[in-house]
Each structure stands twice: as C-alpha cells, then as structure tokens.
N, C-alpha and C. Protein backbone atom coordinates (compact mmCIF):
# COMPACT_ATOMS: atom_id res chain seq x y z
N MET A 1 98.57 78.56 78.31
CA MET A 1 99.96 78.41 77.84
C MET A 1 100.83 79.49 78.45
N LYS A 2 100.36 80.72 78.51
CA LYS A 2 101.15 81.78 79.11
C LYS A 2 101.50 81.52 80.54
N ALA A 3 100.53 81.00 81.34
CA ALA A 3 100.75 80.71 82.73
C ALA A 3 101.77 79.61 82.86
N TRP A 4 101.72 78.60 82.01
CA TRP A 4 102.70 77.53 82.05
C TRP A 4 104.12 78.01 81.77
N ILE A 5 104.25 78.91 80.76
CA ILE A 5 105.58 79.47 80.43
C ILE A 5 106.10 80.27 81.61
N GLU A 6 105.25 81.11 82.18
CA GLU A 6 105.71 81.94 83.31
C GLU A 6 106.13 81.07 84.53
N ARG A 7 105.36 80.04 84.80
CA ARG A 7 105.66 79.11 85.91
C ARG A 7 106.99 78.38 85.60
N TYR A 8 107.16 77.95 84.37
CA TYR A 8 108.41 77.22 84.00
C TYR A 8 109.61 78.17 84.15
N LEU A 9 109.49 79.40 83.69
CA LEU A 9 110.63 80.35 83.78
C LEU A 9 110.93 80.75 85.22
N GLN A 10 109.90 80.77 86.10
CA GLN A 10 110.14 81.05 87.51
C GLN A 10 110.87 79.87 88.17
N GLN A 11 110.53 78.65 87.74
CA GLN A 11 111.17 77.49 88.30
C GLN A 11 112.57 77.26 87.74
N HIS A 12 112.85 77.81 86.53
CA HIS A 12 114.12 77.60 85.85
C HIS A 12 114.68 78.98 85.39
N PRO A 13 115.04 79.86 86.29
CA PRO A 13 115.46 81.19 85.85
C PRO A 13 116.66 81.17 84.87
N GLU A 14 117.45 80.14 84.93
CA GLU A 14 118.62 80.03 83.99
C GLU A 14 118.18 79.83 82.54
N ARG A 15 116.96 79.47 82.35
CA ARG A 15 116.43 79.25 81.00
C ARG A 15 115.76 80.50 80.38
N LYS A 16 115.60 81.53 81.21
CA LYS A 16 114.89 82.73 80.78
C LYS A 16 115.58 83.38 79.56
N LYS A 17 116.89 83.57 79.61
CA LYS A 17 117.62 84.18 78.47
C LYS A 17 117.41 83.36 77.20
N ASP A 18 117.54 82.02 77.30
CA ASP A 18 117.35 81.19 76.13
C ASP A 18 115.95 81.23 75.64
N PHE A 19 114.95 81.31 76.51
CA PHE A 19 113.58 81.41 76.06
C PHE A 19 113.35 82.63 75.22
N TRP A 20 113.75 83.79 75.73
CA TRP A 20 113.56 85.01 75.00
C TRP A 20 114.41 85.13 73.74
N ARG A 21 115.57 84.51 73.82
CA ARG A 21 116.44 84.46 72.58
C ARG A 21 115.72 83.62 71.52
N LEU A 22 115.09 82.53 71.91
CA LEU A 22 114.37 81.69 70.96
C LEU A 22 113.19 82.44 70.40
N VAL A 23 112.49 83.25 71.20
CA VAL A 23 111.38 84.03 70.70
C VAL A 23 111.89 85.05 69.68
N ARG A 24 112.97 85.76 70.03
CA ARG A 24 113.55 86.75 69.11
C ARG A 24 114.06 86.04 67.82
N PHE A 25 114.61 84.81 67.95
CA PHE A 25 115.02 84.07 66.79
C PHE A 25 113.88 83.76 65.89
N GLY A 26 112.70 83.43 66.51
CA GLY A 26 111.52 83.17 65.70
C GLY A 26 111.05 84.39 64.92
N VAL A 27 111.05 85.54 65.57
CA VAL A 27 110.66 86.78 64.93
C VAL A 27 111.64 87.09 63.76
N THR A 28 112.94 86.98 64.04
CA THR A 28 113.99 87.17 63.00
C THR A 28 113.77 86.21 61.86
N GLY A 29 113.56 84.98 62.21
CA GLY A 29 113.38 83.90 61.21
C GLY A 29 112.19 84.16 60.30
N VAL A 30 111.06 84.56 60.89
CA VAL A 30 109.89 84.86 60.10
C VAL A 30 110.17 85.97 59.11
N ILE A 31 110.75 87.07 59.61
CA ILE A 31 111.02 88.22 58.74
C ILE A 31 112.00 87.83 57.64
N SER A 32 113.09 87.14 58.00
CA SER A 32 114.09 86.76 57.02
C SER A 32 113.53 85.74 56.03
N SER A 33 112.71 84.84 56.48
CA SER A 33 112.11 83.84 55.60
C SER A 33 111.15 84.49 54.62
N LEU A 34 110.39 85.48 55.08
CA LEU A 34 109.49 86.20 54.18
C LEU A 34 110.29 86.94 53.12
N VAL A 35 111.37 87.56 53.50
CA VAL A 35 112.23 88.25 52.54
C VAL A 35 112.80 87.25 51.54
N HIS A 36 113.30 86.10 52.05
CA HIS A 36 113.86 85.06 51.22
C HIS A 36 112.77 84.54 50.24
N TYR A 37 111.62 84.19 50.78
CA TYR A 37 110.56 83.62 49.96
C TYR A 37 110.07 84.63 48.94
N GLY A 38 109.94 85.90 49.36
CA GLY A 38 109.52 86.96 48.40
C GLY A 38 110.49 87.12 47.27
N ALA A 39 111.78 87.14 47.55
CA ALA A 39 112.81 87.24 46.49
C ALA A 39 112.75 85.99 45.64
N TYR A 40 112.59 84.82 46.22
CA TYR A 40 112.48 83.57 45.47
C TYR A 40 111.30 83.65 44.49
N CYS A 41 110.14 84.06 44.96
CA CYS A 41 108.98 84.14 44.04
C CYS A 41 109.16 85.13 42.96
N LEU A 42 109.80 86.24 43.25
CA LEU A 42 110.07 87.26 42.29
C LEU A 42 111.05 86.75 41.18
N VAL A 43 112.15 86.17 41.60
CA VAL A 43 113.14 85.67 40.64
C VAL A 43 112.57 84.47 39.88
N LEU A 44 111.67 83.71 40.47
CA LEU A 44 111.09 82.54 39.83
C LEU A 44 110.34 82.92 38.52
N GLN A 45 109.99 84.16 38.43
CA GLN A 45 109.34 84.63 37.19
C GLN A 45 110.26 84.56 35.97
N TRP A 46 111.57 84.60 36.22
CA TRP A 46 112.58 84.63 35.13
C TRP A 46 113.60 83.56 35.16
N ALA A 47 113.67 82.79 36.28
CA ALA A 47 114.71 81.78 36.41
C ALA A 47 114.11 80.51 37.01
N GLY A 48 114.91 79.46 37.03
CA GLY A 48 114.48 78.18 37.61
C GLY A 48 114.49 78.21 39.13
N ALA A 49 113.95 77.14 39.70
CA ALA A 49 113.77 77.07 41.15
C ALA A 49 115.11 77.16 41.92
N THR A 50 116.11 76.46 41.47
CA THR A 50 117.40 76.43 42.20
C THR A 50 118.07 77.81 42.17
N THR A 51 118.07 78.45 40.99
CA THR A 51 118.65 79.79 40.90
C THR A 51 117.85 80.78 41.74
N SER A 52 116.53 80.70 41.65
CA SER A 52 115.67 81.59 42.40
C SER A 52 115.85 81.41 43.91
N TYR A 53 116.00 80.20 44.35
CA TYR A 53 116.23 79.90 45.74
C TYR A 53 117.53 80.45 46.22
N THR A 54 118.56 80.35 45.40
CA THR A 54 119.90 80.86 45.75
C THR A 54 119.88 82.38 45.86
N VAL A 55 119.24 83.05 44.91
CA VAL A 55 119.11 84.52 44.98
C VAL A 55 118.32 84.92 46.24
N GLY A 56 117.23 84.25 46.47
CA GLY A 56 116.45 84.54 47.65
C GLY A 56 117.19 84.29 48.93
N TYR A 57 117.99 83.23 48.94
CA TYR A 57 118.81 82.90 50.11
C TYR A 57 119.84 84.02 50.38
N ALA A 58 120.47 84.54 49.33
CA ALA A 58 121.46 85.62 49.49
C ALA A 58 120.84 86.89 50.03
N VAL A 59 119.64 87.27 49.49
CA VAL A 59 118.98 88.46 49.95
C VAL A 59 118.52 88.28 51.41
N GLY A 60 117.97 87.10 51.71
CA GLY A 60 117.55 86.79 53.05
C GLY A 60 118.70 86.73 54.04
N LEU A 61 119.89 86.29 53.56
CA LEU A 61 121.06 86.21 54.40
C LEU A 61 121.47 87.59 54.94
N ILE A 62 121.45 88.53 54.09
CA ILE A 62 121.82 89.93 54.48
C ILE A 62 120.87 90.44 55.59
N CYS A 63 119.58 90.27 55.29
CA CYS A 63 118.56 90.68 56.26
C CYS A 63 118.75 89.89 57.59
N ASN A 64 118.96 88.63 57.46
CA ASN A 64 119.08 87.74 58.60
C ASN A 64 120.28 88.08 59.46
N TYR A 65 121.42 88.35 58.86
CA TYR A 65 122.60 88.73 59.63
C TYR A 65 122.35 89.98 60.47
N ALA A 66 121.82 90.98 59.82
CA ALA A 66 121.53 92.26 60.56
C ALA A 66 120.59 92.00 61.75
N LEU A 67 119.51 91.30 61.51
CA LEU A 67 118.55 91.04 62.56
C LEU A 67 119.09 90.07 63.64
N THR A 68 119.81 89.06 63.23
CA THR A 68 120.35 88.08 64.19
C THR A 68 121.35 88.73 65.08
N THR A 69 122.22 89.55 64.52
CA THR A 69 123.23 90.20 65.32
C THR A 69 122.64 91.19 66.33
N ALA A 70 121.84 92.14 65.82
CA ALA A 70 121.33 93.21 66.65
C ALA A 70 120.16 92.83 67.53
N PHE A 71 119.25 91.99 67.00
CA PHE A 71 118.03 91.68 67.70
C PHE A 71 118.04 90.38 68.47
N THR A 72 118.34 89.30 67.76
CA THR A 72 118.23 87.97 68.33
C THR A 72 119.27 87.78 69.45
N PHE A 73 120.54 87.99 69.13
CA PHE A 73 121.59 87.73 70.11
C PHE A 73 122.13 88.99 70.74
N GLN A 74 121.62 90.19 70.33
CA GLN A 74 121.99 91.45 70.91
C GLN A 74 123.46 91.65 71.05
N ARG A 75 124.15 91.47 69.95
CA ARG A 75 125.58 91.63 69.80
C ARG A 75 125.87 92.67 68.74
N ARG A 76 127.07 93.15 68.73
CA ARG A 76 127.47 94.04 67.63
C ARG A 76 128.18 93.19 66.58
N PRO A 77 128.12 93.62 65.34
CA PRO A 77 128.79 92.88 64.27
C PRO A 77 130.29 92.82 64.51
N THR A 78 130.86 91.65 64.37
CA THR A 78 132.30 91.49 64.44
C THR A 78 132.73 90.58 63.31
N ARG A 79 134.03 90.56 63.04
CA ARG A 79 134.55 89.66 62.01
C ARG A 79 134.25 88.19 62.39
N SER A 80 134.41 87.90 63.67
CA SER A 80 134.24 86.51 64.16
C SER A 80 132.78 86.08 63.96
N ASN A 81 131.80 86.90 64.41
CA ASN A 81 130.44 86.44 64.27
C ASN A 81 129.95 86.51 62.82
N ALA A 82 130.53 87.40 62.00
CA ALA A 82 130.16 87.42 60.59
C ALA A 82 130.66 86.16 59.89
N LEU A 83 131.90 85.77 60.17
CA LEU A 83 132.45 84.55 59.56
C LEU A 83 131.68 83.32 60.05
N GLY A 84 131.39 83.27 61.32
CA GLY A 84 130.64 82.17 61.91
C GLY A 84 129.23 82.10 61.27
N PHE A 85 128.61 83.26 61.12
CA PHE A 85 127.28 83.35 60.54
C PHE A 85 127.32 82.85 59.12
N VAL A 86 128.24 83.34 58.30
CA VAL A 86 128.32 82.89 56.92
C VAL A 86 128.65 81.40 56.84
N GLY A 87 129.53 80.94 57.70
CA GLY A 87 129.89 79.50 57.71
C GLY A 87 128.69 78.66 58.06
N SER A 88 127.95 79.04 59.10
CA SER A 88 126.78 78.25 59.49
C SER A 88 125.72 78.28 58.39
N HIS A 89 125.59 79.45 57.73
CA HIS A 89 124.62 79.54 56.63
C HIS A 89 125.10 78.80 55.39
N LEU A 90 126.37 78.63 55.16
CA LEU A 90 126.86 77.83 54.08
C LEU A 90 126.42 76.42 54.26
N LEU A 91 126.61 75.88 55.49
CA LEU A 91 126.13 74.53 55.82
C LEU A 91 124.60 74.42 55.66
N ASN A 92 123.95 75.45 56.17
CA ASN A 92 122.47 75.47 56.10
C ASN A 92 122.02 75.52 54.62
N TYR A 93 122.70 76.35 53.81
CA TYR A 93 122.33 76.46 52.40
C TYR A 93 122.46 75.10 51.73
N LEU A 94 123.54 74.40 51.96
CA LEU A 94 123.71 73.08 51.34
C LEU A 94 122.63 72.13 51.78
N LEU A 95 122.26 72.14 53.05
CA LEU A 95 121.15 71.34 53.54
C LEU A 95 119.87 71.77 52.79
N GLU A 96 119.60 73.02 52.72
CA GLU A 96 118.37 73.52 52.14
C GLU A 96 118.27 73.22 50.67
N ILE A 97 119.37 73.43 49.92
CA ILE A 97 119.31 73.18 48.46
C ILE A 97 119.15 71.69 48.22
N GLY A 98 119.76 70.87 49.05
CA GLY A 98 119.56 69.40 48.90
C GLY A 98 118.13 69.01 49.15
N LEU A 99 117.54 69.56 50.20
CA LEU A 99 116.10 69.30 50.51
C LEU A 99 115.22 69.83 49.44
N LEU A 100 115.53 71.06 48.94
CA LEU A 100 114.70 71.61 47.84
C LEU A 100 114.71 70.66 46.64
N GLU A 101 115.90 70.24 46.23
CA GLU A 101 116.00 69.34 45.07
C GLU A 101 115.21 68.06 45.34
N LEU A 102 115.33 67.49 46.53
CA LEU A 102 114.60 66.26 46.90
C LEU A 102 113.11 66.48 46.83
N PHE A 103 112.61 67.59 47.39
CA PHE A 103 111.15 67.84 47.38
C PHE A 103 110.67 68.06 45.94
N LEU A 104 111.43 68.77 45.13
CA LEU A 104 111.04 68.99 43.75
C LEU A 104 111.05 67.64 42.99
N TRP A 105 112.05 66.81 43.28
CA TRP A 105 112.16 65.50 42.59
C TRP A 105 110.98 64.59 42.91
N ILE A 106 110.51 64.67 44.16
CA ILE A 106 109.35 63.82 44.53
C ILE A 106 108.01 64.44 44.13
N GLY A 107 108.04 65.61 43.52
CA GLY A 107 106.81 66.15 42.93
C GLY A 107 106.12 67.28 43.71
N ILE A 108 106.80 67.77 44.76
CA ILE A 108 106.16 68.88 45.52
C ILE A 108 106.33 70.15 44.68
N SER A 109 105.34 70.99 44.69
CA SER A 109 105.34 72.18 43.82
C SER A 109 106.47 73.15 44.15
N GLU A 110 106.82 73.94 43.18
CA GLU A 110 107.92 74.91 43.35
C GLU A 110 107.54 76.00 44.37
N LEU A 111 106.27 76.21 44.60
CA LEU A 111 105.84 77.22 45.58
C LEU A 111 105.76 76.67 47.03
N LEU A 112 105.52 75.39 47.16
CA LEU A 112 105.43 74.77 48.48
C LEU A 112 106.76 74.24 48.96
N ALA A 113 107.59 73.72 48.06
CA ALA A 113 108.88 73.10 48.45
C ALA A 113 109.74 73.99 49.36
N PRO A 114 109.93 75.27 49.05
CA PRO A 114 110.78 76.09 49.92
C PRO A 114 110.25 76.25 51.34
N ILE A 115 108.92 76.25 51.48
CA ILE A 115 108.33 76.35 52.80
C ILE A 115 108.63 75.13 53.63
N LEU A 116 108.55 73.96 53.03
CA LEU A 116 108.89 72.72 53.74
C LEU A 116 110.36 72.69 54.08
N VAL A 117 111.18 73.16 53.15
CA VAL A 117 112.65 73.18 53.42
C VAL A 117 112.94 74.05 54.62
N MET A 118 112.34 75.22 54.68
CA MET A 118 112.62 76.17 55.79
C MET A 118 112.12 75.54 57.12
N ALA A 119 111.03 74.84 57.10
CA ALA A 119 110.46 74.21 58.32
C ALA A 119 111.46 73.22 58.92
N ILE A 120 112.23 72.54 58.09
CA ILE A 120 113.22 71.57 58.53
C ILE A 120 114.52 72.26 58.94
N ALA A 121 114.94 73.23 58.15
CA ALA A 121 116.27 73.80 58.32
C ALA A 121 116.36 74.83 59.47
N VAL A 122 115.26 75.49 59.77
CA VAL A 122 115.33 76.58 60.77
C VAL A 122 115.80 76.10 62.12
N PRO A 123 115.24 75.01 62.68
CA PRO A 123 115.73 74.58 63.98
C PRO A 123 117.23 74.24 64.00
N ILE A 124 117.72 73.63 62.95
CA ILE A 124 119.12 73.30 62.84
C ILE A 124 119.96 74.60 62.79
N ASN A 125 119.48 75.60 62.03
CA ASN A 125 120.18 76.84 61.95
C ASN A 125 120.26 77.55 63.29
N PHE A 126 119.18 77.49 64.08
CA PHE A 126 119.18 78.12 65.41
C PHE A 126 120.31 77.58 66.24
N LEU A 127 120.48 76.24 66.27
CA LEU A 127 121.54 75.63 67.05
C LEU A 127 122.90 76.09 66.61
N LEU A 128 123.11 76.12 65.30
CA LEU A 128 124.38 76.58 64.77
C LEU A 128 124.68 78.01 65.15
N LEU A 129 123.68 78.90 64.99
CA LEU A 129 123.84 80.33 65.30
C LEU A 129 124.00 80.55 66.81
N ARG A 130 123.33 79.81 67.60
CA ARG A 130 123.48 79.96 69.03
C ARG A 130 124.90 79.67 69.41
N TYR A 131 125.49 78.68 68.77
CA TYR A 131 126.92 78.41 69.07
C TYR A 131 127.81 79.57 68.62
N VAL A 132 127.57 80.09 67.44
CA VAL A 132 128.37 81.18 66.91
C VAL A 132 128.31 82.41 67.78
N PHE A 133 127.11 82.80 68.25
CA PHE A 133 126.96 84.02 69.01
C PHE A 133 127.11 83.89 70.50
N ILE A 134 127.02 82.70 71.03
CA ILE A 134 127.12 82.49 72.48
C ILE A 134 128.42 81.82 72.85
N HIS A 135 129.16 81.31 71.94
CA HIS A 135 130.39 80.60 72.20
C HIS A 135 131.30 81.53 73.01
N PRO A 136 132.04 81.04 73.99
CA PRO A 136 132.87 81.88 74.85
C PRO A 136 133.85 82.81 74.10
N SER A 137 134.39 82.37 72.98
CA SER A 137 135.36 83.23 72.28
C SER A 137 134.68 84.46 71.68
N THR A 138 133.40 84.38 71.28
CA THR A 138 132.70 85.54 70.71
C THR A 138 132.25 86.44 71.85
N LYS A 139 131.99 85.92 73.06
CA LYS A 139 131.60 86.77 74.15
C LYS A 139 132.76 87.68 74.54
N GLU A 140 133.94 87.11 74.56
CA GLU A 140 135.11 87.92 74.95
C GLU A 140 135.40 88.98 73.92
N GLU A 141 135.23 88.64 72.60
CA GLU A 141 135.60 89.57 71.55
C GLU A 141 134.71 90.82 71.58
N ASP A 142 133.44 90.64 71.84
CA ASP A 142 132.53 91.84 71.71
C ASP A 142 132.12 92.32 73.06
N GLY A 143 132.71 91.89 74.12
CA GLY A 143 132.45 92.47 75.43
C GLY A 143 131.25 91.89 76.16
N HIS A 144 130.75 90.76 75.72
CA HIS A 144 129.58 90.17 76.43
C HIS A 144 129.99 88.91 77.14
C-alpha cells in the first residue's frame, strides 16, 4: 500500500498537499471524535442521548477547531475561518443529530449509534472544512 501511495503521489504531485491534509484531517478527526464520544458517555450517565450528544459535540467542537486550524489546514485562527468552521459544524450537527435520532428510532444502542453517525458525517465535514480553509478568500485573509 505504501509503495502504491508513493507512486501515485509521484505521478500526481498536485495531489500531495491534499493527501497529507487528508491524513492530518483523519488524525484530528480521531482525536476530536474520541473527545466527543468520551464527553457523550460521561454525560449519558445523567442525561438522555440527545442532550449528551449535544454536550459532547460542543466539547469536541472546541478541540476540533483548535486542531483543524493549527494542524490539519495549518492556518492561524481568523474570524472568517472561525465563522466558517462554526457554520459548517452547525450543518454537520443537524445532520448528525438527525442520524442519531434515526438510529435510535430503529433500535441501535445508545453506545453504538454515535459511532455510526460519525462514520457517515466525517467525510461530509471534511469537504465542508476544506472549502472553509482553502477557499481563496480565506487564503488572502491569513496570508496563505
């Protein structure tokens, strides 16, 4: 697999930045998802699934913004990317809470449902965040 990736990146050097950005996004996503899921499980001890998910999402959002800005897209925090980040995550949250309710309604356990939700929502979120952080207007604003 490693040889195939190296050969592909040599043949398509324009894809190298996106490849490593996707790898960093994966690392950021795993860390943020663990924070989100950990907060969800903790709050689930005292509250229902939807409230717990919302609290976990908020905690994960803070972690995610810091990592996405500095590590994934290697930008500095700006008003523009913060607003874009929160906006994309608002859309993502609505998608996730809808999927969570659907999975709970069809009988998936409260511990498994959030994992399935994240598996669906993460790729969509990457595309939204890539637009926020790579869009030409954000490049000009923060010097990239």
